[in-house]
Structure formats: C-alpha cells, structure tokens
Amino acid sequence: MTHHADHPTDHGSDHCAGSHRHAPSRRTVVSLLSAAGAGAVLGTIPGLRRSLAQGASGDQWIIDTHHHIYPPRYTTANLQRIIDDSGALPGTAYTNWSPRVALEQMDKAGVRSAVVSMTSPGIWWDNGEQARIWARDCNEFGAQMGRDFPGRFGMFAAIPLPDTEGSMREIAHALDTLKLDGIGLLTSYAGKPLGDPSFAAVFDELNRRKVALFVHPTMSCCGMNIPGVNPPAIDFSTDTTRTLASLAYSGTFARCPDIKFIFSHGGGTMPMIVQRVAAAIRNFTPEQRAKILPDGLAAELKRHHYDIASVAMNPGGMAAVFKLIPVNRLLYGSDAPFGSTTVIAEALSQFELAPADITAIRRENALRLFPRFSA
C-alpha cells in the first residue's frame, strides 16, 4: 500500500476529469450526495455519467481487478479498525472515498471497468452475527454501484469466513440474487491459511459454482513490529505466499480445479522463493504427491491468475513474476485507493512485452473471466 499523487483525497478542480464546461460544480455534487446518496445521485446528474466514462474510451482501455471500496456505513462504524490494520493512509482517505472518487481515478488511467472488493481487515474479526451484517451491507452497496454505473463496476463479494453457515448464505445471496462477479477472501482468518481443513466446505461450494475468487492479503499470526516500517509492507506479501503454499499442499487446488483463483501483488513473495517452497514436496509420499501436486508446485501455480498491483513498480519483482507466471495469467490491478491507477498503467506500458501481451494484461485476460465487460 503506497500513498501516491492521485490519491482519492486529492480532489483537484471543481469539475470531474474530462467533464464539459457546464458540468455541475463540486459544491453542487457534494450537496446532492449528502441529500440522496452517492450512487443514486451520480447516475442522475446530467452529463456526469458521460463525462466520467470519457477517460476509458480509447484503444488502451483497462479492466482493473484489484480495486477497493469503502461503503460509508461500514467505514464509519469501523474506521479505527481500518486505520489500525492498514497503517498507510489517514482516516480521511477512507471517509472521503465515494463512487465518484473511484470513477475519477479510473478515468485518469483509462480504466473502463473495475471489479471491486473489500480489503483487510475485511468484515470478520470474530464478531459473530455482525460479520454477516457487514458482508450483506457491503455487498448490497457494491451491487448498487454496478446498477448506477452499468459496465463500470463489478464486485467480488465479501463473505464472513470462517463462519461456514454465514458464508454459504452470503455466497448464495451475492451470486444468485445480487449477481455479483465472484467472491473475495483474505489470505487467512484467525491465523489459519486458506487451505485449512475448516474452510473446506466453503471451497467445495465455490468450486461447485466455478467461482472467480479474488484473494487479498491480510495480517496473519506472525507479524513483527519493526519501527518505522508499515507492517503490511512485509507481511501482506508473506501471507499471500503462505496461503498459496497452504492451498497447494493441503490438496485444495487439486480438489477444487474449477475455482478461478486470482492472487494479489504478483503472488506475493512466491515467485522469488518458489524453489524453496517446492522442496516441501519431499515430505509427502509418492501417492500423496500424485494426488495433490501431480505436476509439481510451479506447474500448479502457473494455472492461476495474479494481478500486478504494487509489484508492477518493481522491475526485479516483475522479472520473477514473468519467469514463473505466463502472461496470459496476469491481470491489471491498481490497489486503489492505496495504489495509483495512473502509476500502474504507466508501469505496464513500459514492460518489454509485445503489444498484444500488454493488451492481454490490460483487459483480454480479465475478459476471459468476466466477459460481460466486453461491451
């Protein structure tokens, strides 16, 4: 998570990016938002929806699969927990967030569509029924964004894992009623990585539904405080690596071949240490190896999808990602509001790849997962 110049608290001028001369002023927009709610108002102001979409109309348009939202009720009620978890941004970065701010940032980078998600700390922290309530509230908010701005927003639904019963109910509501685009999970819950047997029933249901599953890191059991260092800077990537190993060696990947996994930040530290993690296969019998990783760890990892959020700004990290992961498995991710839509877009344009490969990362790979955004 990095604070960049086009952070959502940097509102710029009184007009939306790309708007016309007579677009409504910021004061008019803010007063209307306060009166009637962000999503509903933005869809009704003449010319505003059109102006917001202009920045994403060129040939280089993008689908962003790593883009976070902060629904107002959830954010207001849990602000201190959010601040304590991220340690990266001031509280106003979360309370000032709105669909309008998201669209402004998307248009700066040519992002036509964003599949949004909740991020750490998520909606579950051993909070029982409240976690179910927050999951429903946030998913309803995301679904409304999609209705207010057709084609601009999808969502990976939040579920209250490790609450199995609550998760099953929210999966059904999110996918069958709200028609959201997939499910979003954190890399671990209560110190348990996603391959833990206690999560198996939920993963079996996601596999049955052939779900697109976005996996975002969180703080796990082993974080250590280093003065001056934001804990997620180290621990987020580590927790992604930990849960990748867990999913592989628990047999979850093999048991759930129809889940379309998407992992954040280029797979964390896994591309850099894959040979060390792969050596763990020696601890399994030949029969176990044939069952859980018949072709080895590296081959299994190549089957899944990874976004380039954050890692795109690190040439050494991207070299490792390109070495391990095929280009047709890489997705654009901004990590907004923590990451910059424009910085990631610029970094992507500088990769020494064929133009077709750049386009694949911008949108074509995502379109195979989410074909509804092709229109």
Protein backbone atom coordinates (compact mmCIF):
# COMPACT_ATOMS: atom_id res chain seq x y z
CA MET A 1 0.00 0.00 0.00
CA THR A 2 1.58 3.26 -1.09
CA HIS A 3 0.38 6.83 -0.98
CA HIS A 4 0.55 8.28 -4.50
CA ALA A 5 -0.23 11.63 -6.01
CA ASP A 6 -3.63 10.68 -7.40
CA HIS A 7 -4.89 9.55 -4.00
CA PRO A 8 -8.65 9.97 -3.59
CA THR A 9 -8.26 12.82 -1.13
CA ASP A 10 -6.63 14.84 -3.91
CA HIS A 11 -9.83 16.12 -5.41
CA GLY A 12 -8.39 18.54 -7.94
CA SER A 13 -10.65 21.09 -9.62
CA ASP A 14 -14.36 21.64 -9.20
CA HIS A 15 -15.15 19.51 -12.26
CA CYS A 16 -14.79 15.80 -12.87
CA ALA A 17 -11.95 14.63 -15.05
CA GLY A 18 -12.89 15.05 -18.67
CA SER A 19 -16.11 16.93 -17.90
CA HIS A 20 -17.60 19.62 -20.08
CA ARG A 21 -17.73 23.33 -19.35
CA HIS A 22 -21.19 23.21 -17.81
CA ALA A 23 -20.69 20.12 -15.65
CA PRO A 24 -22.03 20.58 -12.11
CA SER A 25 -19.71 22.14 -9.55
CA ARG A 26 -18.15 20.14 -6.74
CA ARG A 27 -20.31 22.02 -4.23
CA THR A 28 -23.44 21.01 -6.17
CA VAL A 29 -22.34 17.39 -6.31
CA VAL A 30 -21.44 17.23 -2.63
CA SER A 31 -24.73 18.74 -1.55
CA LEU A 32 -26.67 16.31 -3.70
CA LEU A 33 -24.64 13.37 -2.42
CA SER A 34 -25.41 14.36 1.14
CA ALA A 35 -29.11 14.59 0.36
CA ALA A 36 -29.64 11.38 -1.55
CA GLY A 37 -26.63 9.05 -1.53
CA ALA A 38 -23.64 8.80 -3.83
CA GLY A 39 -24.69 6.11 -6.27
CA ALA A 40 -28.21 7.33 -6.93
CA VAL A 41 -27.22 10.96 -7.38
CA LEU A 42 -24.26 10.38 -9.67
CA GLY A 43 -26.46 8.46 -12.03
CA THR A 44 -28.97 11.29 -12.32
CA ILE A 45 -26.81 14.42 -12.75
CA PRO A 46 -26.99 15.37 -16.48
CA GLY A 47 -23.73 14.75 -18.28
CA LEU A 48 -21.81 13.49 -15.27
CA ARG A 49 -22.01 9.79 -16.05
CA ARG A 50 -20.97 10.51 -19.63
CA SER A 51 -18.04 12.71 -18.60
CA LEU A 52 -16.73 10.14 -16.14
CA ALA A 53 -16.63 7.47 -18.83
CA GLN A 54 -14.69 9.51 -21.40
CA GLY A 55 -11.26 8.71 -20.00
CA ALA A 56 -11.81 4.97 -20.55
CA SER A 57 -12.89 5.10 -24.17
CA GLY A 58 -9.56 4.74 -26.02
CA ASP A 59 -7.98 1.65 -27.52
CA GLN A 60 -5.87 1.12 -24.42
CA TRP A 61 -8.79 0.73 -22.02
CA ILE A 62 -8.29 -1.36 -18.93
CA ILE A 63 -10.16 -3.72 -16.60
CA ASP A 64 -8.98 -3.32 -13.00
CA THR A 65 -9.46 -6.46 -10.90
CA HIS A 66 -7.81 -5.11 -7.72
CA HIS A 67 -9.76 -2.03 -6.66
CA HIS A 68 -11.13 -1.46 -3.15
CA ILE A 69 -14.26 0.26 -1.88
CA TYR A 70 -15.24 1.75 1.45
CA PRO A 71 -19.02 1.62 1.91
CA PRO A 72 -19.99 4.55 4.18
CA ARG A 73 -21.82 2.69 6.96
CA TYR A 74 -19.11 0.04 7.25
CA THR A 75 -16.34 2.66 7.15
CA THR A 76 -17.88 4.97 9.73
CA ALA A 77 -18.56 2.15 12.18
CA ASN A 78 -15.14 0.51 11.79
CA LEU A 79 -12.84 3.43 10.98
CA GLN A 80 -10.33 2.91 13.77
CA ARG A 81 -10.02 -0.78 12.97
CA ILE A 82 -9.42 0.08 9.30
CA ILE A 83 -6.74 2.64 10.19
CA ASP A 84 -5.03 0.29 12.64
CA ASP A 85 -4.98 -2.52 10.10
CA SER A 86 -3.53 -0.63 7.14
CA GLY A 87 -1.33 1.95 8.80
CA ALA A 88 -0.85 3.52 5.38
CA LEU A 89 -3.40 6.31 4.95
CA PRO A 90 -5.11 8.93 7.10
CA GLY A 91 -8.71 8.33 8.15
CA THR A 92 -9.99 10.89 5.66
CA ALA A 93 -8.76 8.67 2.82
CA TYR A 94 -11.44 6.18 3.80
CA THR A 95 -14.22 8.53 4.88
CA ASN A 96 -13.83 10.71 1.77
CA TRP A 97 -13.99 7.73 -0.57
CA SER A 98 -17.04 7.57 -2.85
CA PRO A 99 -18.02 6.01 -6.19
CA ARG A 100 -17.37 9.42 -7.76
CA VAL A 101 -13.80 9.46 -6.45
CA ALA A 102 -13.27 5.92 -7.74
CA LEU A 103 -14.52 6.87 -11.19
CA GLU A 104 -12.30 9.94 -11.33
CA GLN A 105 -9.24 7.84 -10.59
CA MET A 106 -10.29 5.15 -13.06
CA ASP A 107 -10.71 7.66 -15.86
CA LYS A 108 -7.27 9.15 -15.28
CA ALA A 109 -5.75 5.80 -16.23
CA GLY A 110 -8.23 4.65 -18.86
CA VAL A 111 -9.84 2.05 -16.61
CA ARG A 112 -13.23 1.31 -18.13
CA SER A 113 -14.32 -1.26 -15.55
CA ALA A 114 -13.24 -2.19 -12.03
CA VAL A 115 -14.19 -5.39 -10.20
CA VAL A 116 -14.14 -4.00 -6.68
CA SER A 117 -13.60 -5.72 -3.35
CA MET A 118 -13.31 -5.19 0.36
CA THR A 119 -9.79 -5.31 1.70
CA SER A 120 -8.14 -6.08 5.02
CA PRO A 121 -9.39 -6.05 7.78
CA GLY A 122 -12.43 -7.34 5.88
CA ILE A 123 -15.74 -7.86 7.65
CA TRP A 124 -14.91 -10.73 10.06
CA TRP A 125 -12.88 -10.36 13.26
CA ASP A 126 -14.55 -12.91 15.50
CA ASN A 127 -17.59 -10.63 15.52
CA GLY A 128 -20.34 -13.24 15.05
CA GLU A 129 -23.60 -12.02 13.57
CA GLN A 130 -22.11 -8.58 12.94
CA ALA A 131 -19.83 -10.08 10.30
CA ARG A 132 -22.87 -11.39 8.42
CA ILE A 133 -24.47 -7.95 8.61
CA TRP A 134 -21.37 -6.18 7.29
CA ALA A 135 -20.98 -8.69 4.46
CA ARG A 136 -24.57 -8.11 3.35
CA ASP A 137 -24.31 -4.31 3.71
CA CYS A 138 -21.07 -4.07 1.72
CA ASN A 139 -22.26 -6.43 -1.00
CA GLU A 140 -25.52 -4.54 -1.40
CA PHE A 141 -23.54 -1.31 -1.69
CA GLY A 142 -21.30 -2.79 -4.39
CA ALA A 143 -24.26 -4.16 -6.30
CA GLN A 144 -25.88 -0.72 -6.25
CA MET A 145 -22.70 0.81 -7.69
CA GLY A 146 -22.97 -1.66 -10.55
CA ARG A 147 -26.59 -0.70 -11.19
CA ASP A 148 -25.90 3.03 -11.01
CA PHE A 149 -22.97 2.79 -13.43
CA PRO A 150 -23.57 -0.10 -15.84
CA GLY A 151 -20.35 -1.57 -17.14
CA ARG A 152 -18.13 0.47 -14.82
CA PHE A 153 -18.24 -1.66 -11.67
CA GLY A 154 -18.42 -5.32 -10.76
CA MET A 155 -17.70 -6.82 -7.35
CA PHE A 156 -16.05 -9.71 -5.56
CA ALA A 157 -18.49 -10.31 -2.72
CA ALA A 158 -17.39 -10.36 0.90
CA ILE A 159 -18.35 -13.40 2.96
CA PRO A 160 -17.98 -13.93 6.75
CA LEU A 161 -15.41 -16.73 6.64
CA PRO A 162 -14.62 -18.62 8.92
CA ASP A 163 -18.36 -18.66 9.67
CA THR A 164 -19.26 -21.55 7.35
CA GLU A 165 -23.04 -21.24 7.60
CA GLY A 166 -22.97 -17.46 7.20
CA SER A 167 -20.56 -17.78 4.28
CA MET A 168 -22.80 -20.27 2.48
CA ARG A 169 -25.79 -17.96 2.87
CA GLU A 170 -23.90 -14.92 1.62
CA ILE A 171 -22.44 -16.81 -1.35
CA ALA A 172 -25.97 -17.70 -2.44
CA HIS A 173 -27.27 -14.16 -1.95
CA ALA A 174 -24.29 -12.50 -3.64
CA LEU A 175 -24.21 -14.75 -6.68
CA ASP A 176 -27.85 -15.74 -7.14
CA THR A 177 -29.66 -12.56 -6.04
CA LEU A 178 -27.18 -9.73 -6.48
CA LYS A 179 -25.47 -11.37 -9.50
CA LEU A 180 -22.03 -10.25 -8.37
CA ASP A 181 -18.94 -11.33 -10.27
CA GLY A 182 -17.22 -13.57 -7.76
CA ILE A 183 -16.11 -13.87 -4.16
CA GLY A 184 -13.33 -12.06 -2.31
CA LEU A 185 -11.38 -13.65 0.54
CA LEU A 186 -8.46 -12.65 2.70
CA THR A 187 -5.38 -14.88 2.77
CA SER A 188 -6.02 -16.05 6.32
CA TYR A 189 -8.59 -15.99 9.09
CA ALA A 190 -7.83 -16.38 12.80
CA GLY A 191 -4.26 -17.31 11.88
CA LYS A 192 -5.34 -20.08 9.50
CA PRO A 193 -4.33 -20.01 5.80
CA LEU A 194 -6.98 -20.79 3.22
CA GLY A 195 -6.01 -24.43 2.82
CA ASP A 196 -7.01 -25.15 6.41
CA PRO A 197 -9.49 -28.07 6.62
CA SER A 198 -12.01 -25.89 8.46
CA PHE A 199 -12.57 -23.93 5.24
CA ALA A 200 -13.02 -26.98 3.01
CA ALA A 201 -16.83 -26.90 2.82
CA VAL A 202 -16.82 -23.30 1.60
CA PHE A 203 -14.17 -24.05 -1.01
CA ASP A 204 -16.13 -27.05 -2.22
CA GLU A 205 -19.14 -24.80 -2.75
CA LEU A 206 -17.07 -22.22 -4.60
CA ASN A 207 -15.70 -25.00 -6.79
CA ARG A 208 -19.22 -26.29 -7.50
CA ARG A 209 -20.18 -22.82 -8.64
CA LYS A 210 -16.98 -22.35 -10.70
CA VAL A 211 -16.44 -19.02 -8.96
CA ALA A 212 -13.87 -16.33 -9.71
CA LEU A 213 -12.15 -16.00 -6.33
CA PHE A 214 -10.08 -12.92 -5.53
CA VAL A 215 -7.60 -13.45 -2.69
CA HIS A 216 -6.19 -10.39 -0.92
CA PRO A 217 -3.57 -10.48 1.84
CA THR A 218 -4.08 -9.53 5.46
CA MET A 219 -2.06 -9.55 8.65
CA SER A 220 -1.63 -13.10 9.86
CA CYS A 221 -0.29 -14.66 13.02
CA CYS A 222 3.37 -13.87 12.61
CA GLY A 223 3.71 -10.14 12.09
CA MET A 224 6.54 -8.44 13.99
CA ASN A 225 6.68 -4.74 14.67
CA ILE A 226 9.66 -3.00 13.04
CA PRO A 227 9.84 0.68 13.98
CA GLY A 228 9.19 2.91 11.01
CA VAL A 229 8.02 0.07 8.74
CA ASN A 230 4.35 -0.28 7.85
CA PRO A 231 3.59 -3.95 8.78
CA PRO A 232 1.62 -4.75 5.59
CA ALA A 233 4.65 -3.76 3.51
CA ILE A 234 6.27 -7.06 4.52
CA ASP A 235 3.54 -9.22 5.98
CA PHE A 236 0.95 -8.89 3.22
CA SER A 237 3.19 -10.43 0.58
CA THR A 238 4.31 -13.08 3.05
CA ASP A 239 0.74 -14.06 3.88
CA THR A 240 -0.07 -14.46 0.18
CA THR A 241 2.87 -16.84 -0.16
CA ARG A 242 1.81 -18.71 2.95
CA THR A 243 -1.75 -19.23 1.68
CA LEU A 244 -0.53 -20.29 -1.78
CA ALA A 245 1.57 -22.99 -0.14
CA SER A 246 -1.36 -23.99 2.05
CA LEU A 247 -3.76 -24.31 -0.87
CA ALA A 248 -1.22 -26.37 -2.81
CA TYR A 249 -0.07 -28.75 -0.08
CA SER A 250 -3.48 -29.21 1.53
CA GLY A 251 -4.74 -30.50 -1.80
CA THR A 252 -7.28 -27.66 -2.11
CA PHE A 253 -6.01 -26.65 -5.53
CA ALA A 254 -6.27 -30.24 -6.77
CA ARG A 255 -9.68 -30.78 -5.16
CA CYS A 256 -11.14 -27.51 -6.48
CA PRO A 257 -9.96 -27.24 -10.10
CA ASP A 258 -12.93 -25.14 -11.20
CA ILE A 259 -12.30 -22.19 -8.88
CA LYS A 260 -10.77 -19.32 -10.87
CA PHE A 261 -8.21 -18.09 -8.35
CA ILE A 262 -6.83 -14.54 -8.57
CA PHE A 263 -3.97 -13.69 -6.20
CA SER A 264 -2.81 -10.19 -5.38
CA HIS A 265 0.51 -8.41 -5.95
CA GLY A 266 2.00 -10.93 -8.36
CA GLY A 267 1.67 -13.78 -5.86
CA GLY A 268 3.49 -12.06 -3.00
CA THR A 269 6.97 -13.42 -2.43
CA MET A 270 6.22 -16.78 -4.04
CA PRO A 271 7.88 -16.02 -7.42
CA MET A 272 11.12 -15.20 -5.59
CA ILE A 273 11.20 -18.29 -3.33
CA VAL A 274 9.23 -20.86 -5.33
CA GLN A 275 12.15 -23.29 -5.39
CA ARG A 276 12.30 -23.28 -1.58
CA VAL A 277 8.57 -23.83 -1.20
CA ALA A 278 8.59 -26.52 -3.89
CA ALA A 279 11.15 -28.51 -1.89
CA ALA A 280 8.42 -29.30 0.65
CA ILE A 281 7.06 -31.94 -1.74
CA ARG A 282 9.80 -34.24 -0.39
CA ASN A 283 7.79 -34.51 2.81
CA PHE A 284 4.95 -36.33 1.02
CA THR A 285 4.70 -39.90 -0.19
CA PRO A 286 4.62 -40.61 -3.93
CA GLU A 287 0.91 -41.34 -3.62
CA GLN A 288 0.28 -38.03 -1.89
CA ARG A 289 2.33 -36.17 -4.47
CA ALA A 290 0.32 -37.69 -7.29
CA LYS A 291 -2.88 -36.60 -5.59
CA ILE A 292 -2.12 -33.03 -4.54
CA LEU A 293 0.57 -31.81 -6.99
CA PRO A 294 0.92 -34.32 -9.81
CA ASP A 295 2.94 -31.89 -11.96
CA GLY A 296 4.78 -30.09 -9.17
CA LEU A 297 4.27 -26.76 -7.45
CA ALA A 298 5.44 -24.47 -10.26
CA ALA A 299 3.08 -26.06 -12.78
CA GLU A 300 0.19 -25.68 -10.35
CA LEU A 301 0.95 -22.02 -9.72
CA LYS A 302 1.01 -21.31 -13.47
CA ARG A 303 -2.67 -22.35 -13.71
CA HIS A 304 -3.91 -19.44 -11.60
CA HIS A 305 -4.25 -15.70 -12.12
CA TYR A 306 -2.25 -12.92 -10.47
CA ASP A 307 -2.68 -9.16 -10.57
CA ILE A 308 0.24 -6.77 -10.97
CA ALA A 309 -0.82 -4.28 -8.28
CA SER A 310 2.23 -2.85 -6.49
CA VAL A 311 4.70 -5.34 -7.99
CA ALA A 312 4.47 -3.60 -11.39
CA MET A 313 6.56 -0.77 -9.92
CA ASN A 314 9.36 -3.19 -9.01
CA PRO A 315 11.38 -4.34 -12.07
CA GLY A 316 13.09 -7.10 -10.11
CA GLY A 317 9.80 -8.37 -8.72
CA MET A 318 8.20 -8.33 -12.16
CA ALA A 319 11.17 -10.22 -13.62
CA ALA A 320 10.44 -13.01 -11.14
CA VAL A 321 6.71 -12.87 -11.91
CA PHE A 322 7.33 -13.10 -15.66
CA LYS A 323 9.71 -16.01 -15.09
CA LEU A 324 7.11 -18.03 -13.20
CA ILE A 325 3.68 -16.87 -14.42
CA PRO A 326 2.54 -16.92 -18.07
CA VAL A 327 1.47 -13.53 -19.45
CA ASN A 328 -1.99 -14.92 -20.14
CA ARG A 329 -2.48 -15.33 -16.39
CA LEU A 330 -1.63 -11.74 -15.41
CA LEU A 331 -4.27 -9.10 -14.68
CA TYR A 332 -4.18 -5.34 -14.24
CA GLY A 333 -4.61 -4.25 -10.64
CA SER A 334 -4.30 -0.75 -9.21
CA ASP A 335 -4.87 -1.48 -5.50
CA ALA A 336 -6.84 1.78 -5.38
CA PRO A 337 -7.13 3.75 -3.15
CA PHE A 338 -3.76 2.58 -1.77
CA GLY A 339 -2.12 2.32 -5.18
CA SER A 340 -2.25 4.73 -8.07
CA THR A 341 -4.28 3.87 -11.17
CA THR A 342 -2.04 6.08 -13.32
CA VAL A 343 1.27 4.82 -11.92
CA ILE A 344 0.35 1.18 -12.54
CA ALA A 345 -0.93 1.98 -16.04
CA GLU A 346 2.32 3.78 -16.86
CA ALA A 347 4.42 0.96 -15.43
CA LEU A 348 2.50 -1.56 -17.53
CA SER A 349 3.11 0.44 -20.71
CA GLN A 350 6.87 0.27 -20.06
CA PHE A 351 7.13 -3.53 -19.86
CA GLU A 352 9.28 -5.03 -22.60
CA LEU A 353 6.43 -7.10 -23.97
CA ALA A 354 4.73 -7.42 -27.32
CA PRO A 355 1.78 -5.03 -27.74
CA ALA A 356 -0.61 -7.99 -27.72
CA ASP A 357 0.76 -9.09 -24.35
CA ILE A 358 0.29 -5.60 -22.91
CA THR A 359 -3.31 -5.62 -24.12
CA ALA A 360 -3.77 -9.07 -22.61
CA ILE A 361 -2.76 -7.76 -19.20
CA ARG A 362 -4.80 -4.58 -19.61
CA ARG A 363 -8.03 -6.40 -20.35
CA GLU A 364 -8.04 -9.53 -22.51
CA ASN A 365 -7.10 -11.91 -19.72
CA ALA A 366 -9.76 -10.37 -17.49
CA LEU A 367 -12.37 -10.61 -20.24
CA ARG A 368 -11.99 -14.38 -20.27
CA LEU A 369 -13.01 -14.34 -16.62
CA PHE A 370 -15.59 -11.53 -16.88
CA PRO A 371 -16.90 -11.45 -20.46
CA ARG A 372 -19.76 -9.11 -19.52
CA PHE A 373 -17.32 -6.20 -19.52
CA SER A 374 -16.55 -6.59 -23.24
CA ALA A 375 -19.44 -4.34 -24.28
